[in-house]
Protein backbone atom coordinates (compact mmCIF):
# COMPACT_ATOMS: atom_id res chain seq x y z
CA MET A 1 -16.04 -78.86 6.49
CA GLY A 2 -15.96 -77.70 10.42
CA LYS A 3 -18.94 -76.42 12.45
CA GLY A 4 -17.47 -73.13 11.16
CA GLY A 5 -18.78 -74.43 7.52
CA ARG A 6 -15.61 -73.52 6.29
CA MET A 7 -12.04 -74.85 5.44
CA PRO A 8 -9.11 -72.36 4.84
CA VAL A 9 -8.03 -73.41 1.10
CA ALA A 10 -3.94 -74.74 1.24
CA GLY A 11 -1.17 -72.21 0.85
CA GLY A 12 -3.77 -69.39 1.26
CA ASP A 13 -4.05 -66.26 3.32
CA VAL A 14 -4.07 -67.26 7.00
CA LYS A 15 -4.70 -63.40 8.17
CA GLN A 16 -7.73 -64.43 5.58
CA ALA A 17 -8.67 -67.49 6.38
CA ASP A 18 -8.88 -66.69 9.97
CA LYS A 19 -10.98 -63.81 9.18
CA ASN A 20 -13.41 -66.45 6.58
CA GLN A 21 -13.90 -68.66 9.43
CA ASP A 22 -15.11 -66.01 12.21
CA ILE A 23 -17.10 -64.61 9.64
CA PHE A 24 -19.25 -68.46 9.20
CA ARG A 25 -18.51 -68.96 12.56
CA ARG A 26 -21.58 -70.40 13.83
CA VAL A 27 -24.08 -68.89 16.04
CA PRO A 28 -24.54 -71.46 19.82
CA HIS A 29 -27.97 -73.17 18.81
CA GLU A 30 -27.72 -74.68 22.83
CA LYS A 31 -29.96 -72.92 25.37
CA PRO A 32 -27.91 -69.65 26.68
CA PRO A 33 -26.40 -69.18 29.63
CA PHE A 34 -28.09 -66.32 30.18
CA THR A 35 -31.47 -64.66 30.22
CA ILE A 36 -33.25 -61.83 28.85
CA ALA A 37 -33.29 -60.00 32.23
CA ASP A 38 -29.32 -60.30 32.08
CA ILE A 39 -29.19 -58.91 28.68
CA LYS A 40 -31.23 -55.69 29.75
CA LYS A 41 -28.74 -55.25 33.29
CA ALA A 42 -26.30 -54.64 31.07
CA ILE A 43 -27.68 -51.96 29.21
CA PRO A 44 -27.39 -48.30 30.66
CA PRO A 45 -30.53 -47.34 31.26
CA HIS A 46 -30.60 -43.85 29.46
CA CYS A 47 -31.03 -46.37 26.56
CA PHE A 48 -34.05 -47.14 27.58
CA GLU A 49 -35.80 -43.38 27.84
CA ARG A 50 -37.29 -42.04 24.40
CA SER A 51 -36.71 -38.37 23.36
CA LEU A 52 -39.89 -37.01 21.07
CA ILE A 53 -38.08 -33.84 20.54
CA ARG A 54 -34.68 -35.69 19.89
CA SER A 55 -36.71 -38.40 17.65
CA PHE A 56 -38.39 -35.86 16.11
CA SER A 57 -35.17 -33.77 14.91
CA TYR A 58 -33.99 -36.98 13.05
CA LEU A 59 -37.75 -37.32 11.46
CA VAL A 60 -37.28 -33.37 10.15
CA TYR A 61 -33.70 -34.16 9.04
CA ASP A 62 -34.39 -36.93 7.17
CA LEU A 63 -37.30 -35.06 5.40
CA ALA A 64 -35.28 -31.60 4.55
CA VAL A 65 -32.58 -33.99 3.08
CA CYS A 66 -35.38 -35.41 1.01
CA PHE A 67 -36.59 -31.84 -0.12
CA LEU A 68 -33.32 -30.68 -0.39
CA LEU A 69 -32.76 -33.35 -2.80
CA TYR A 70 -35.89 -32.78 -4.32
CA TYR A 71 -35.51 -29.10 -4.81
CA ALA A 72 -32.20 -29.55 -6.46
CA ALA A 73 -32.95 -32.38 -8.74
CA THR A 74 -35.75 -30.22 -9.84
CA ASN A 75 -34.60 -26.97 -10.38
CA TYR A 76 -30.68 -27.95 -11.38
CA ILE A 77 -30.36 -31.34 -13.76
CA ASN A 78 -32.47 -30.15 -16.32
CA LEU A 79 -29.54 -27.21 -16.60
CA LEU A 80 -26.66 -29.93 -17.52
CA PRO A 81 -25.88 -31.36 -20.60
CA LYS A 82 -27.61 -34.55 -22.02
CA PRO A 83 -24.78 -37.46 -21.01
CA LEU A 84 -24.32 -35.34 -17.49
CA SER A 85 -27.93 -34.81 -16.95
CA TYR A 86 -28.17 -39.38 -17.08
CA LEU A 87 -25.55 -39.44 -14.50
CA ALA A 88 -27.03 -36.69 -12.41
CA TRP A 89 -30.79 -38.54 -12.24
CA THR A 90 -29.24 -41.96 -11.42
CA ALA A 91 -27.69 -40.51 -8.46
CA TYR A 92 -30.48 -38.41 -6.87
CA VAL A 93 -32.60 -41.65 -7.22
CA TYR A 94 -30.25 -43.14 -5.32
CA VAL A 95 -29.63 -40.95 -2.76
CA GLN A 96 -33.63 -39.80 -2.40
CA GLY A 97 -34.11 -43.38 -2.16
CA CYS A 98 -31.84 -43.61 0.78
CA PHE A 99 -33.15 -40.72 3.02
CA MET A 100 -36.51 -41.59 2.02
CA PHE A 101 -35.21 -45.61 3.93
CA ALA A 102 -34.37 -43.36 6.46
CA VAL A 103 -37.76 -41.92 6.37
CA TRP A 104 -39.21 -45.71 6.57
CA VAL A 105 -36.77 -47.01 9.65
CA VAL A 106 -38.31 -43.65 11.80
CA ALA A 107 -41.84 -44.95 11.16
CA HIS A 108 -40.35 -48.85 12.11
CA GLU A 109 -39.64 -47.56 15.49
CA CYS A 110 -43.01 -45.77 15.46
CA GLY A 111 -44.30 -49.80 15.14
CA HIS A 112 -42.04 -51.00 18.03
CA HIS A 113 -43.05 -47.46 20.52
CA GLY A 114 -39.62 -46.57 20.44
CA PHE A 115 -40.84 -43.52 18.83
CA SER A 116 -41.56 -41.44 22.23
CA ASN A 117 -43.47 -42.99 25.64
CA TYR A 118 -47.41 -42.27 23.42
CA HIS A 119 -48.86 -45.51 21.73
CA TRP A 120 -51.14 -42.84 19.79
CA LEU A 121 -48.66 -40.64 18.51
CA ASN A 122 -46.12 -43.26 17.52
CA ASP A 123 -48.65 -45.05 15.66
CA THR A 124 -50.12 -41.59 14.56
CA VAL A 125 -46.88 -40.47 12.97
CA GLY A 126 -45.84 -44.10 11.43
CA PHE A 127 -49.23 -44.22 9.67
CA VAL A 128 -48.54 -41.15 7.85
CA LEU A 129 -45.22 -42.22 7.46
CA HIS A 130 -45.79 -45.32 5.31
CA SER A 131 -49.50 -44.03 3.98
CA LEU A 132 -46.86 -41.82 1.93
CA LEU A 133 -44.41 -44.48 1.31
CA LEU A 134 -47.38 -46.46 0.36
CA VAL A 135 -46.94 -49.23 2.67
CA PRO A 136 -50.06 -50.75 5.28
CA TYR A 137 -48.74 -49.66 8.02
CA PHE A 138 -51.11 -51.18 10.73
CA SER A 139 -50.79 -54.74 8.45
CA TRP A 140 -47.23 -54.19 8.23
CA LYS A 141 -47.21 -53.46 11.65
CA ILE A 142 -49.20 -56.89 13.20
CA SER A 143 -47.13 -59.29 10.74
CA HIS A 144 -43.75 -57.87 11.86
CA ARG A 145 -44.37 -58.00 15.64
CA ARG A 146 -45.43 -61.46 14.74
CA HIS A 147 -41.95 -62.09 13.19
CA HIS A 148 -40.48 -60.63 16.00
CA ALA A 149 -42.15 -63.03 18.24
CA ASN A 150 -41.28 -66.41 16.19
CA THR A 151 -37.91 -65.25 14.59
CA ASN A 152 -36.34 -68.19 13.08
CA SER A 153 -39.13 -70.60 14.35
CA LEU A 154 -39.50 -72.50 10.39
CA ASP A 155 -43.04 -72.94 12.09
CA ARG A 156 -44.21 -70.06 13.11
CA ASP A 157 -42.39 -66.76 11.51
CA GLU A 158 -43.99 -64.66 9.07
CA ASN A 159 -41.26 -63.56 6.29
CA HIS A 160 -38.08 -64.29 4.61
CA VAL A 161 -38.60 -68.26 6.04
CA PRO A 162 -36.47 -70.70 4.36
CA ARG A 163 -37.27 -74.15 2.35
CA PHE A 164 -36.29 -77.77 2.63
CA LYS A 165 -34.27 -78.94 -0.01
CA GLU A 166 -37.71 -81.38 -0.79
CA THR A 167 -39.66 -78.37 -1.00
CA ILE A 168 -37.60 -76.31 -3.98
CA ARG A 169 -39.49 -76.44 -7.18
CA SER A 170 -37.83 -78.02 -9.96
CA TYR A 171 -37.57 -75.24 -12.24
CA TYR A 172 -34.91 -73.72 -9.45
CA HIS A 173 -32.44 -76.04 -10.75
CA HIS A 174 -31.83 -73.62 -13.78
CA PHE A 175 -31.44 -70.89 -11.71
CA ASN A 176 -28.50 -72.23 -9.43
CA ASN A 177 -25.57 -70.12 -11.85
CA PRO A 178 -24.73 -67.03 -11.80
CA ILE A 179 -26.59 -65.92 -14.63
CA GLY A 180 -29.65 -67.17 -12.84
CA ARG A 181 -28.80 -65.82 -9.90
CA VAL A 182 -28.29 -62.43 -11.26
CA PHE A 183 -32.13 -62.88 -12.37
CA ILE A 184 -32.97 -63.36 -8.65
CA ILE A 185 -31.54 -61.50 -7.35
CA ALA A 186 -32.96 -58.63 -9.25
CA PHE A 187 -36.46 -60.46 -8.87
CA THR A 188 -36.12 -60.26 -5.04
CA LEU A 189 -35.09 -56.38 -4.94
CA THR A 190 -37.50 -55.36 -7.34
CA LEU A 191 -40.82 -57.52 -6.47
CA GLY A 192 -39.67 -58.79 -3.34
CA TRP A 193 -41.61 -56.37 -1.20
CA PRO A 194 -45.24 -55.97 -3.45
CA LEU A 195 -45.10 -59.65 -3.74
CA TYR A 196 -45.04 -60.19 -0.01
CA LEU A 197 -47.56 -57.73 0.55
CA ILE A 198 -49.90 -58.59 -1.90
CA VAL A 199 -49.35 -62.33 -2.01
CA ASN A 200 -47.02 -62.90 1.26
CA ILE A 201 -44.28 -64.22 -1.19
CA ALA A 202 -41.28 -65.40 1.11
CA GLY A 203 -43.39 -65.32 4.36
CA ARG A 204 -45.60 -68.12 6.36
CA GLU A 205 -47.32 -70.86 4.70
CA TYR A 206 -50.70 -70.60 5.31
CA GLU A 207 -54.15 -73.20 4.18
CA ARG A 208 -55.33 -70.02 2.34
CA HIS A 209 -54.84 -67.13 0.38
CA ALA A 210 -53.04 -64.25 2.69
CA SER A 211 -52.40 -60.67 1.82
CA HIS A 212 -51.57 -57.78 3.77
CA PHE A 213 -54.28 -56.24 2.18
CA ASP A 214 -57.28 -58.33 3.34
CA PRO A 215 -58.69 -57.62 6.39
CA TYR A 216 -59.73 -61.50 6.36
CA SER A 217 -56.49 -62.61 5.63
CA PRO A 218 -55.63 -66.02 7.71
CA ILE A 219 -52.30 -63.49 9.07
CA TYR A 220 -55.14 -61.51 11.00
CA SER A 221 -56.97 -62.02 13.67
CA GLU A 222 -60.78 -60.68 13.76
CA ARG A 223 -60.14 -57.72 15.94
CA GLU A 224 -57.11 -56.57 14.03
CA ARG A 225 -59.70 -56.49 10.96
CA VAL A 226 -59.92 -52.56 11.72
CA GLN A 227 -56.61 -51.93 11.49
CA ILE A 228 -55.84 -53.76 8.05
CA PHE A 229 -59.18 -51.68 7.18
CA LEU A 230 -57.39 -48.29 8.13
CA SER A 231 -54.45 -49.08 6.51
CA ASP A 232 -56.26 -49.88 3.24
CA ILE A 233 -57.18 -46.14 3.48
CA GLY A 234 -54.13 -44.92 4.28
CA PHE A 235 -52.10 -47.07 1.47
CA LEU A 236 -55.11 -45.84 -0.93
CA ALA A 237 -55.36 -42.50 0.19
CA GLY A 238 -51.16 -42.51 -0.71
CA CYS A 239 -51.98 -44.30 -4.38
CA TYR A 240 -54.66 -40.94 -5.00
CA LEU A 241 -51.59 -38.93 -3.74
CA VAL A 242 -49.67 -39.70 -6.27
CA TYR A 243 -51.95 -39.99 -8.77
CA ARG A 244 -53.11 -36.47 -8.48
CA VAL A 245 -49.44 -35.19 -8.88
CA ALA A 246 -48.79 -37.71 -12.30
CA LEU A 247 -52.00 -35.67 -13.50
CA VAL A 248 -50.78 -32.22 -12.90
CA LYS A 249 -46.52 -33.30 -13.49
CA GLY A 250 -46.84 -36.60 -15.92
CA PHE A 251 -46.03 -39.73 -15.09
CA THR A 252 -42.47 -39.72 -16.35
CA TRP A 253 -41.65 -36.88 -13.26
CA VAL A 254 -43.67 -38.66 -10.57
CA MET A 255 -41.67 -41.52 -11.98
CA LEU A 256 -38.37 -39.85 -11.46
CA VAL A 257 -39.08 -38.17 -8.68
CA TYR A 258 -41.18 -40.23 -6.17
CA GLY A 259 -41.01 -43.48 -8.10
CA ALA A 260 -37.89 -44.67 -8.73
CA PRO A 261 -36.23 -43.47 -5.36
CA LEU A 262 -39.45 -45.60 -3.54
CA HIS A 263 -37.99 -48.86 -5.64
CA VAL A 264 -34.54 -47.87 -3.82
CA VAL A 265 -36.95 -48.24 -0.58
CA ASN A 266 -37.61 -51.38 -1.06
CA GLY A 267 -34.60 -52.68 -2.67
CA PHE A 268 -32.41 -51.70 0.50
CA LEU A 269 -36.20 -52.93 3.31
CA VAL A 270 -35.81 -56.26 1.58
CA MET A 271 -31.80 -56.90 1.19
CA ILE A 272 -31.79 -55.60 4.40
CA THR A 273 -34.46 -58.06 6.29
CA LEU A 274 -32.83 -60.73 3.69
CA LEU A 275 -29.43 -60.75 5.46
CA HIS A 276 -29.91 -60.27 8.78
CA HIS A 277 -31.89 -63.25 8.49
CA THR A 278 -29.88 -65.31 6.07
CA HIS A 279 -26.54 -66.26 7.07
CA LEU A 280 -24.71 -69.91 6.78
CA SER A 281 -24.06 -69.03 10.84
CA LEU A 282 -27.75 -69.28 11.56
CA PRO A 283 -29.07 -71.59 12.64
CA HIS A 284 -33.13 -72.34 12.04
CA TYR A 285 -35.41 -73.93 14.47
CA ASP A 286 -38.81 -76.30 14.26
CA SER A 287 -41.24 -76.50 16.95
CA SER A 288 -39.39 -79.47 18.74
CA GLU A 289 -35.91 -77.21 19.76
CA TRP A 290 -37.43 -73.32 18.79
CA ASP A 291 -37.92 -70.95 21.90
CA TRP A 292 -37.89 -66.84 21.80
CA LEU A 293 -34.52 -66.02 23.21
CA ARG A 294 -32.50 -68.28 21.21
CA GLY A 295 -34.57 -67.33 17.72
CA ALA A 296 -34.09 -63.81 18.21
CA LEU A 297 -30.19 -64.13 19.06
CA ALA A 298 -30.03 -65.69 15.60
CA THR A 299 -29.53 -63.15 13.81
CA VAL A 300 -26.33 -61.15 12.55
CA ASP A 301 -25.23 -57.51 12.18
CA ARG A 302 -23.98 -55.86 8.87
CA ASP A 303 -21.83 -53.38 7.69
CA TYR A 304 -23.14 -50.55 5.34
CA GLY A 305 -20.43 -48.67 5.44
CA ILE A 306 -21.55 -44.54 5.79
CA LEU A 307 -25.01 -46.21 5.16
CA ASN A 308 -24.97 -47.02 8.97
CA LYS A 309 -25.80 -43.24 9.78
CA VAL A 310 -28.27 -42.73 7.22
CA PHE A 311 -30.16 -45.95 7.68
CA HIS A 312 -30.55 -45.03 11.57
CA HIS A 313 -27.97 -47.80 12.36
CA ILE A 314 -30.56 -50.31 11.48
CA ALA A 315 -28.51 -52.16 10.25
CA ASP A 316 -25.68 -53.08 12.44
CA THR A 317 -27.13 -52.82 15.73
CA HIS A 318 -30.25 -56.02 14.20
CA VAL A 319 -29.25 -58.48 17.16
CA LEU A 320 -30.00 -56.28 19.95
CA HIS A 321 -32.95 -55.05 18.07
CA HIS A 322 -34.70 -58.30 17.86
CA LEU A 323 -33.75 -58.50 21.83
CA ILE A 324 -35.31 -55.34 22.95
CA SER A 325 -36.92 -53.66 19.69
CA SER A 326 -37.95 -50.92 22.06
CA ILE A 327 -34.94 -49.17 22.25
CA PRO A 328 -34.87 -46.04 20.58
CA HIS A 329 -32.00 -45.99 17.15
CA TYR A 330 -30.01 -43.15 18.99
CA HIS A 331 -29.23 -45.39 21.62
CA ALA A 332 -29.06 -48.44 19.67
CA GLU A 333 -24.91 -48.53 19.46
CA GLU A 334 -24.22 -48.30 23.03
CA ALA A 335 -26.70 -50.92 24.02
CA THR A 336 -25.34 -52.95 21.19
CA GLU A 337 -21.87 -52.27 23.08
CA ALA A 338 -22.96 -53.26 26.53
CA ILE A 339 -24.65 -56.75 25.39
CA LYS A 340 -21.52 -57.91 23.90
CA PRO A 341 -20.17 -59.39 27.01
CA VAL A 342 -23.43 -60.78 27.58
CA LEU A 343 -23.46 -62.51 24.51
CA GLY A 344 -20.14 -63.72 24.02
CA ASP A 345 -20.21 -66.19 20.94
CA TYR A 346 -24.48 -66.13 20.84
CA TYR A 347 -23.65 -62.21 19.00
CA HIS A 348 -22.41 -62.69 15.14
CA TYR A 349 -21.15 -59.96 13.10
CA ASP A 350 -20.60 -59.93 9.38
CA PRO A 351 -18.57 -57.08 7.58
CA THR A 352 -18.54 -58.40 4.44
CA SER A 353 -20.03 -55.63 2.20
CA PHE A 354 -23.74 -55.68 1.46
CA TYR A 355 -23.61 -56.30 -1.89
CA VAL A 356 -20.86 -59.12 -1.86
CA ALA A 357 -22.89 -60.69 0.87
CA MET A 358 -26.04 -60.54 -1.28
CA TRP A 359 -24.85 -62.56 -4.21
CA ARG A 360 -22.86 -65.21 -1.24
CA GLU A 361 -25.90 -65.46 0.31
CA ALA A 362 -28.01 -66.00 -2.90
CA LYS A 363 -25.58 -68.92 -3.64
CA GLU A 364 -24.87 -70.40 -0.04
CA CYS A 365 -27.83 -69.92 1.16
CA LEU A 366 -31.06 -72.47 -0.60
CA TYR A 367 -31.93 -74.47 1.58
CA VAL A 368 -32.23 -75.69 5.55
CA GLU A 369 -31.34 -79.23 6.74
CA ALA A 370 -30.88 -80.66 9.97
CA GLU A 371 -27.43 -82.50 10.28
CA ASP A 372 -27.18 -86.18 10.65
CA ASN A 373 -24.49 -85.86 13.60
CA ASP A 374 -26.65 -83.18 15.19
CA LYS A 375 -27.93 -84.31 19.20
CA ALA A 376 -30.47 -81.32 18.12
CA LYS A 377 -32.63 -82.64 15.17
CA GLY A 378 -34.84 -79.80 15.30
CA VAL A 379 -31.96 -77.75 14.30
CA TYR A 380 -31.80 -76.83 10.91
CA TRP A 381 -28.34 -74.60 9.20
CA PHE A 382 -28.51 -72.94 5.21
CA LYS A 383 -27.26 -75.78 2.91
CA ASN A 384 -26.48 -75.12 -0.93
CA LYS A 385 -26.09 -78.35 -2.73
CA LEU A 386 -29.01 -79.47 -4.89
């Protein structure tokens, strides 16, 4: 075990060993020799510009694809014989879920004010889109903003906060095996998002119950309560709309056309966020070592293949997103390439397929622990030895 976290297997393929060593190369945890101002200077000025027409064109495209998929599914799948119709519905649920997630990403960009130069328009578009996807917009926006402000802080980060070895519940040892990991991954991808919103699971620990639906939750300040009420109204309006459609079309129809694809949306949301902040190469910091720039740098870009384009490059430009979250997605690739020379070893990319990575991180990244031989005692790394 070296600084990269892995030793090449004797007699193994040298190129593969080198590749694995690079994947698990730890992101430096020392204070970087550059500042956020240096990073911004490296980015072409036009990358900071938001085009309302261009932003809307991506949204219209996503919505048009969602409508076409819906139209094709509801008009033609029922014409197929039974075995083929099951396969067609499965394909529809997955593909529709992917493009619905693209709409989610646009709403997410509204929350970062990367959609347009007008804050009121960003919040209006984001509120409508997220309400239709059963997300409390302002509630999420506020906690997500705090996640960006406290990334990888073990004391103040808002989501996917790793456990310490001594805080892992005893029953978790029974899940530290292949069957247990299948259960944990399935639970995480299906229930992780609603439970995060309802009871703040995998989020920051508070002295009392925290929920994204509670205006008096400790997540929010008194001046933010009105926005939480508005978020709840939008969420309930979305639920009521689904209910009214179900009265006309039936519950099964709504589940096939909307509910099941929405589960795909929620699954990708949890997976993408988890994989960006869960990796053997990434440090976490306690209050004695944490600062904003090092926390923002401790994330990893991932490869989702063709879905990179469908998801508006939210996954393969995530390092940039944590450094400058207001850059529109259509400039993110160019801006990422521009900052790589400045970041040097502080930039990390893992080309591992996301389904392989999900299994690997569930196995390898169980808790964080400081290392005895590390002079910086406030720096913690993922471990898996229970």
